[in-house]
């Protein structure tokens, strides 16, 4: 396993992060491809055995049961708290990012995970209704109280991240140390502004959907997997760009065949070779963990990187929430529209 620093926090994380959206109870109206407690434990055990120490989840994943299953698995496996980096999120809850909501939601997250502190607490989206000062001060108070070691941000516009960092800097509050944005071979819009702003503030980049919700794992567009046939969020995020993206998928398939490795390994290797600290990978079975970790062994050449990148054309934004009253962007209306 390779490790990287989580931005300026200095926290050391594995360069593959295990995503928690795959874990939790099958909630009516929610994702139907999540894993139960035993399967969750099996995936987490394999991840830990391979050196993965970074697990990401959220208070809204499977109505909080993702956090519960992760906490239960770590307890049953006898994992020392200091040997794992736990990240969770706040936003898709009552009160969004208000002081009251943040203080309430962190306690619920800690209880469900069975821990007295979180290594990384991430704001899941930008809150237009709460003053930035209120949010940043509330997050800082969690760090000062020892409930959180570091804070991170997720999908938003680059100017919003910049403004929040500057508010924290002016007031001597804790700044974000990581950004969990939408980034993969099919969606590279965050390379224009978001990632440069992150690097300006010495932030790690830990993208969700590194495999484009499975589109970068197989030839063609449609998939007969449970997620591929039941997840409307995936369709909302990617189907409008199918014609743009099929040539890229073709390049991944061609290079994977040349290399004699699965397509997913090429897609993850591309992110790792671009210096991304830790893509967040959801795994439906222990063998998927092995596949993800094996991407670290694939070192793409400059020519191979160029081959994969050449077909890309500009995309509509997918992820950040627009101002209230604006027409929603694709992939922004579902609380679980992540990874």
Protein backbone atom coordinates (compact mmCIF):
# COMPACT_ATOMS: atom_id res chain seq x y z
CA UNK A 1 0.00 0.00 0.00
CA UNK A 2 1.06 3.58 -0.67
CA UNK A 3 0.14 6.43 1.67
CA UNK A 4 -0.26 10.17 1.31
CA UNK A 5 -0.74 13.17 3.58
CA UNK A 6 -4.30 14.43 3.89
CA UNK A 7 -3.40 17.97 2.91
CA UNK A 8 -2.02 20.27 5.57
CA UNK A 9 -3.56 18.16 8.38
CA UNK A 10 -0.62 15.77 8.21
CA UNK A 11 -2.96 12.80 8.69
CA UNK A 12 -1.60 9.84 6.72
CA UNK A 13 -4.13 8.02 4.55
CA UNK A 14 -3.96 5.08 2.17
CA UNK A 15 -4.05 6.10 -1.48
CA UNK A 16 -7.23 4.07 -1.89
CA UNK A 17 -10.16 5.14 0.28
CA UNK A 18 -12.99 2.69 0.97
CA UNK A 19 -16.36 4.31 0.24
CA UNK A 20 -19.22 3.71 2.65
CA UNK A 21 -22.13 4.25 0.27
CA UNK A 22 -22.01 0.52 -0.49
CA UNK A 23 -22.86 -0.31 3.12
CA UNK A 24 -26.15 -0.16 4.98
CA UNK A 25 -29.75 -1.26 5.11
CA UNK A 26 -31.78 -1.30 1.89
CA UNK A 27 -34.07 1.63 2.66
CA UNK A 28 -37.38 1.90 0.74
CA UNK A 29 -36.84 4.44 -2.01
CA UNK A 30 -33.09 4.30 -1.47
CA UNK A 31 -30.24 2.33 -3.00
CA UNK A 32 -30.98 -1.37 -3.42
CA UNK A 33 -27.36 -2.48 -3.91
CA UNK A 34 -26.03 -1.88 -0.40
CA UNK A 35 -24.42 -4.61 1.71
CA UNK A 36 -25.67 -6.06 4.99
CA UNK A 37 -23.62 -6.20 8.22
CA UNK A 38 -21.73 -9.43 7.48
CA UNK A 39 -20.80 -8.50 3.92
CA UNK A 40 -19.81 -5.01 5.09
CA UNK A 41 -17.49 -6.58 7.65
CA UNK A 42 -15.95 -8.88 5.02
CA UNK A 43 -15.18 -5.94 2.70
CA UNK A 44 -13.74 -3.82 5.52
CA UNK A 45 -11.58 -6.71 6.73
CA UNK A 46 -10.11 -7.21 3.27
CA UNK A 47 -9.46 -3.48 2.96
CA UNK A 48 -7.64 -3.36 6.27
CA UNK A 49 -5.66 -6.50 5.39
CA UNK A 50 -4.42 -4.83 2.20
CA UNK A 51 -3.30 -1.71 4.06
CA UNK A 52 -6.32 0.51 3.40
CA UNK A 53 -6.77 2.68 6.49
CA UNK A 54 -9.15 5.34 5.11
CA UNK A 55 -12.95 4.83 5.24
CA UNK A 56 -15.43 7.45 4.06
CA UNK A 57 -19.16 7.56 4.80
CA UNK A 58 -21.94 10.07 5.50
CA UNK A 59 -24.79 10.61 7.92
CA UNK A 60 -27.30 10.22 5.07
CA UNK A 61 -25.99 7.02 3.50
CA UNK A 62 -28.71 4.38 3.95
CA UNK A 63 -30.36 6.63 6.55
CA UNK A 64 -27.34 6.41 8.86
CA UNK A 65 -27.01 2.63 8.78
CA UNK A 66 -23.80 2.87 6.74
CA UNK A 67 -22.15 4.50 9.75
CA UNK A 68 -23.67 1.89 12.04
CA UNK A 69 -22.45 -1.06 9.96
CA UNK A 70 -18.94 0.41 9.70
CA UNK A 71 -18.78 0.99 13.46
CA UNK A 72 -20.03 -2.51 14.20
CA UNK A 73 -17.56 -4.09 11.79
CA UNK A 74 -14.57 -2.26 13.26
CA UNK A 75 -15.62 -3.30 16.76
CA UNK A 76 -16.10 -6.96 15.85
CA UNK A 77 -12.78 -7.01 14.01
CA UNK A 78 -11.02 -5.59 17.06
CA UNK A 79 -9.52 -2.69 15.12
CA UNK A 80 -7.60 -0.16 17.19
CA UNK A 81 -9.13 3.26 16.76
CA UNK A 82 -5.78 4.85 15.92
CA UNK A 83 -5.25 2.40 13.05
CA UNK A 84 -8.13 3.69 10.94
CA UNK A 85 -8.96 7.13 9.49
CA UNK A 86 -12.72 7.67 9.63
CA UNK A 87 -14.45 10.35 7.58
CA UNK A 88 -18.12 11.28 7.50
CA UNK A 89 -20.27 14.16 6.27
CA UNK A 90 -22.94 16.66 7.23
CA UNK A 91 -25.48 18.60 5.10
CA UNK A 92 -28.35 16.36 3.98
CA UNK A 93 -30.09 16.75 7.33
CA UNK A 94 -32.38 19.18 9.09
CA UNK A 95 -30.70 22.58 9.36
CA UNK A 96 -28.05 21.80 6.71
CA UNK A 97 -24.81 23.49 7.92
CA UNK A 98 -26.20 25.64 10.71
CA UNK A 99 -24.37 25.64 14.04
CA UNK A 100 -27.19 23.72 15.67
CA UNK A 101 -27.26 21.09 12.91
CA UNK A 102 -23.50 20.56 12.92
CA UNK A 103 -23.40 20.14 16.70
CA UNK A 104 -26.34 17.73 16.62
CA UNK A 105 -25.20 15.69 13.62
CA UNK A 106 -21.63 15.12 14.77
CA UNK A 107 -22.92 13.52 17.95
CA UNK A 108 -25.18 11.21 15.95
CA UNK A 109 -22.34 10.25 13.63
CA UNK A 110 -19.97 9.51 16.52
CA UNK A 111 -22.63 7.40 18.24
CA UNK A 112 -23.35 5.36 15.12
CA UNK A 113 -19.67 4.81 14.37
CA UNK A 114 -18.96 3.89 18.00
CA UNK A 115 -16.13 6.38 18.46
CA UNK A 116 -15.52 9.56 20.44
CA UNK A 117 -13.83 11.43 17.60
CA UNK A 118 -13.80 11.65 13.82
CA UNK A 119 -10.58 12.03 11.85
CA UNK A 120 -12.21 14.01 9.05
CA UNK A 121 -15.58 15.80 9.03
CA UNK A 122 -16.75 16.90 5.60
CA UNK A 123 -19.45 19.33 4.54
CA UNK A 124 -21.41 17.39 1.90
CA UNK A 125 -22.52 20.45 -0.12
CA UNK A 126 -22.54 24.26 0.14
CA UNK A 127 -25.35 25.76 2.24
CA UNK A 128 -26.80 28.95 0.75
CA UNK A 129 -29.06 29.58 3.76
CA UNK A 130 -26.43 29.57 6.52
CA UNK A 131 -23.78 32.30 6.79
CA UNK A 132 -20.34 30.94 5.96
CA UNK A 133 -19.02 32.42 9.23
CA UNK A 134 -21.52 30.39 11.25
CA UNK A 135 -20.56 27.15 9.52
CA UNK A 136 -16.80 27.65 9.75
CA UNK A 137 -16.90 28.69 13.39
CA UNK A 138 -19.06 25.68 14.25
CA UNK A 139 -16.66 23.32 12.50
CA UNK A 140 -13.70 24.96 14.24
CA UNK A 141 -15.40 24.44 17.60
CA UNK A 142 -15.56 20.68 16.92
CA UNK A 143 -11.82 20.60 16.31
CA UNK A 144 -11.13 22.58 19.47
CA UNK A 145 -13.41 20.24 21.45
CA UNK A 146 -11.52 17.17 20.20
CA UNK A 147 -14.53 15.69 18.40
CA UNK A 148 -12.90 16.16 14.99
CA UNK A 149 -9.24 16.12 13.96
CA UNK A 150 -9.62 17.83 10.58
CA UNK A 151 -12.34 19.19 8.32
CA UNK A 152 -12.98 18.76 4.62
CA UNK A 153 -15.34 19.96 1.90
CA UNK A 154 -17.22 18.21 -0.87
CA UNK A 155 -18.99 19.22 -4.05
CA UNK A 156 -19.40 22.99 -4.52
CA UNK A 157 -18.16 25.76 -6.79
CA UNK A 158 -14.49 26.73 -6.55
CA UNK A 159 -15.30 30.32 -5.57
CA UNK A 160 -17.36 29.00 -2.64
CA UNK A 161 -14.45 26.92 -1.39
CA UNK A 162 -12.13 29.91 -1.74
CA UNK A 163 -14.50 32.17 0.21
CA UNK A 164 -14.90 29.65 3.03
CA UNK A 165 -11.14 29.17 3.33
CA UNK A 166 -10.59 32.92 3.46
CA UNK A 167 -13.24 33.35 6.18
CA UNK A 168 -11.48 30.69 8.26
CA UNK A 169 -8.08 32.30 7.64
CA UNK A 170 -9.25 35.79 8.65
CA UNK A 171 -10.77 34.52 11.87
CA UNK A 172 -8.08 32.05 12.88
CA UNK A 173 -10.43 29.08 12.45
CA UNK A 174 -9.61 25.62 11.13
CA UNK A 175 -9.40 25.44 7.33
CA UNK A 176 -10.45 22.60 5.06
CA UNK A 177 -7.70 20.07 4.43
CA UNK A 178 -9.38 17.96 1.73
CA UNK A 179 -11.85 18.20 -1.15
CA UNK A 180 -14.15 15.35 -2.17
CA UNK A 181 -15.19 16.39 -5.68
CA UNK A 182 -16.56 14.60 -8.73
CA UNK A 183 -13.54 13.57 -10.81
CA UNK A 184 -12.83 10.74 -13.23
CA UNK A 185 -11.93 10.16 -16.88
CA UNK A 186 -15.52 10.91 -17.94
CA UNK A 187 -15.89 14.06 -15.84
CA UNK A 188 -12.89 16.39 -15.57
CA UNK A 189 -14.51 19.80 -15.12
CA UNK A 190 -12.99 20.25 -11.65
CA UNK A 191 -9.54 20.39 -13.24
CA UNK A 192 -10.40 23.91 -14.48
CA UNK A 193 -10.79 25.71 -11.14
CA UNK A 194 -11.57 23.46 -8.17
CA UNK A 195 -8.40 21.39 -8.08
CA UNK A 196 -6.09 24.43 -8.59
CA UNK A 197 -7.83 26.18 -5.68
CA UNK A 198 -7.36 23.06 -3.56
CA UNK A 199 -3.65 23.01 -4.32
CA UNK A 200 -3.42 26.72 -3.46
CA UNK A 201 -4.63 25.87 0.05
CA UNK A 202 -2.54 22.68 0.40
CA UNK A 203 -5.63 20.46 0.31
CA UNK A 204 -5.73 16.79 -0.61
CA UNK A 205 -8.09 15.73 -3.40
CA UNK A 206 -10.15 12.61 -2.66
CA UNK A 207 -12.63 12.26 -5.55
CA UNK A 208 -15.88 10.38 -5.46
CA UNK A 209 -17.12 8.33 -8.44
CA UNK A 210 -13.57 7.55 -9.66
CA UNK A 211 -15.04 4.78 -11.84
CA UNK A 212 -18.00 6.89 -13.02
CA UNK A 213 -20.45 4.68 -11.13
CA UNK A 214 -19.25 1.62 -13.04
CA UNK A 215 -19.15 3.11 -16.55
CA UNK A 216 -15.35 2.84 -16.60
CA UNK A 217 -15.45 -0.84 -15.62
CA UNK A 218 -16.96 -2.39 -18.76
CA UNK A 219 -17.23 -1.97 -22.50
CA UNK A 220 -20.29 -0.10 -23.73
CA UNK A 221 -22.74 1.97 -21.73
CA UNK A 222 -25.44 -0.19 -20.16
CA UNK A 223 -24.80 -2.57 -17.28
CA UNK A 224 -26.96 -5.45 -16.04
CA UNK A 225 -25.71 -5.11 -12.45
CA UNK A 226 -28.19 -4.34 -9.66
CA UNK A 227 -26.87 -0.80 -9.45
CA UNK A 228 -26.88 -0.37 -13.20
CA UNK A 229 -30.54 -1.37 -13.48
CA UNK A 230 -31.94 0.32 -10.35
CA UNK A 231 -29.89 3.45 -9.65
CA UNK A 232 -31.56 6.49 -11.21
CA UNK A 233 -28.86 8.75 -9.72
CA UNK A 234 -26.27 7.15 -11.99
CA UNK A 235 -28.43 7.85 -15.02
CA UNK A 236 -28.98 11.43 -13.90
CA UNK A 237 -25.24 12.00 -13.56
CA UNK A 238 -23.99 10.39 -16.75
CA UNK A 239 -26.60 9.53 -19.39
CA UNK A 240 -26.76 13.01 -20.94
CA UNK A 241 -23.09 12.71 -21.91
CA UNK A 242 -23.23 9.14 -23.25
CA UNK A 243 -22.20 10.09 -26.79
CA UNK A 244 -19.30 12.20 -25.48
CA UNK A 245 -18.10 9.53 -23.12
CA UNK A 246 -18.27 6.31 -25.14
CA UNK A 247 -15.01 7.12 -27.02
CA UNK A 248 -13.24 7.56 -23.66
CA UNK A 249 -14.58 4.23 -22.44
CA UNK A 250 -13.28 2.72 -25.67
CA UNK A 251 -9.80 4.08 -24.94
CA UNK A 252 -9.86 2.63 -21.43
CA UNK A 253 -10.93 -0.75 -22.80
CA UNK A 254 -8.20 -0.71 -25.46
CA UNK A 255 -5.44 0.19 -23.00
CA UNK A 256 -6.70 -2.37 -20.48
CA UNK A 257 -6.51 -5.06 -23.13
CA UNK A 258 -3.01 -3.98 -24.10
CA UNK A 259 -1.94 -4.05 -20.46
CA UNK A 260 -3.80 -7.27 -19.64
CA UNK A 261 -5.62 -5.73 -16.68
CA UNK A 262 -9.28 -4.89 -15.86
CA UNK A 263 -10.60 -1.55 -17.10
CA UNK A 264 -11.21 -0.33 -13.54
CA UNK A 265 -7.52 -0.66 -12.82
CA UNK A 266 -6.66 1.65 -15.71
CA UNK A 267 -9.26 4.24 -14.66
CA UNK A 268 -7.97 4.35 -11.09
CA UNK A 269 -4.33 4.36 -12.22
CA UNK A 270 -5.07 7.46 -14.31
CA UNK A 271 -6.21 9.35 -11.19
CA UNK A 272 -3.27 8.12 -9.12
CA UNK A 273 -0.77 9.04 -11.83
CA UNK A 274 -2.24 12.56 -11.90
CA UNK A 275 -1.32 12.96 -8.24
CA UNK A 276 -4.77 12.47 -6.73
CA UNK A 277 -4.21 11.51 -3.10
CA UNK A 278 -6.99 8.98 -2.53
CA UNK A 279 -9.89 8.15 -4.86
CA UNK A 280 -12.92 6.85 -2.96
CA UNK A 281 -13.91 3.40 -4.20
CA UNK A 282 -17.10 1.61 -3.30
CA UNK A 283 -16.68 -2.17 -3.15
CA UNK A 284 -19.49 -4.73 -3.37
CA UNK A 285 -17.27 -7.68 -2.43
CA UNK A 286 -13.77 -8.28 -0.99
CA UNK A 287 -12.31 -9.06 -4.42
CA UNK A 288 -13.20 -5.52 -5.55
CA UNK A 289 -10.87 -4.22 -2.87
CA UNK A 290 -8.04 -6.27 -4.36
CA UNK A 291 -8.80 -4.85 -7.80
CA UNK A 292 -8.71 -1.27 -6.52
CA UNK A 293 -5.48 -1.70 -4.57
CA UNK A 294 -3.82 -3.35 -7.59
CA UNK A 295 -4.24 -0.06 -9.48
CA UNK A 296 -1.33 1.28 -7.45
CA UNK A 297 0.95 -1.08 -9.35
CA UNK A 298 -0.07 0.32 -12.75
CA UNK A 299 2.24 3.18 -13.72
CA UNK A 300 0.95 4.76 -16.91
CA UNK A 301 3.37 6.37 -19.34
CA UNK A 302 2.94 9.93 -20.61
CA UNK A 303 1.78 8.55 -23.96
CA UNK A 304 -0.79 6.32 -22.27
CA UNK A 305 -2.10 9.24 -20.19
CA UNK A 306 -2.44 11.36 -23.32
CA UNK A 307 -4.22 8.50 -25.13
CA UNK A 308 -6.83 8.29 -22.35
CA UNK A 309 -7.32 12.05 -22.12
CA UNK A 310 -7.46 13.00 -25.80
CA UNK A 311 -11.19 12.26 -26.46
CA UNK A 312 -12.47 14.41 -23.57
CA UNK A 313 -14.68 17.40 -24.33
CA UNK A 314 -16.27 19.92 -21.97
CA UNK A 315 -19.24 18.67 -19.93
CA UNK A 316 -22.18 20.27 -18.20
CA UNK A 317 -21.48 20.65 -14.49
CA UNK A 318 -22.59 17.71 -12.37
CA UNK A 319 -22.48 17.90 -8.59
CA UNK A 320 -22.57 21.42 -7.13
CA UNK A 321 -25.93 22.77 -6.00
CA UNK A 322 -27.05 26.00 -7.66
CA UNK A 323 -28.58 28.93 -5.83
CA UNK A 324 -32.19 28.48 -4.62
CA UNK A 325 -34.56 29.16 -7.48
CA UNK A 326 -32.06 28.22 -10.17
CA UNK A 327 -32.66 25.19 -12.34
CA UNK A 328 -30.96 22.20 -10.64
CA UNK A 329 -27.84 20.83 -12.28
CA UNK A 330 -27.70 17.17 -13.18
CA UNK A 331 -26.92 14.89 -10.28
CA UNK A 332 -27.65 17.45 -7.54
CA UNK A 333 -31.18 16.66 -6.38
CA UNK A 334 -30.68 13.33 -4.61
CA UNK A 335 -29.11 13.33 -1.10
CA UNK A 336 -27.15 10.24 -2.08
CA UNK A 337 -25.99 11.58 -5.45
CA UNK A 338 -22.37 10.89 -4.58
CA UNK A 339 -19.56 8.61 -5.66
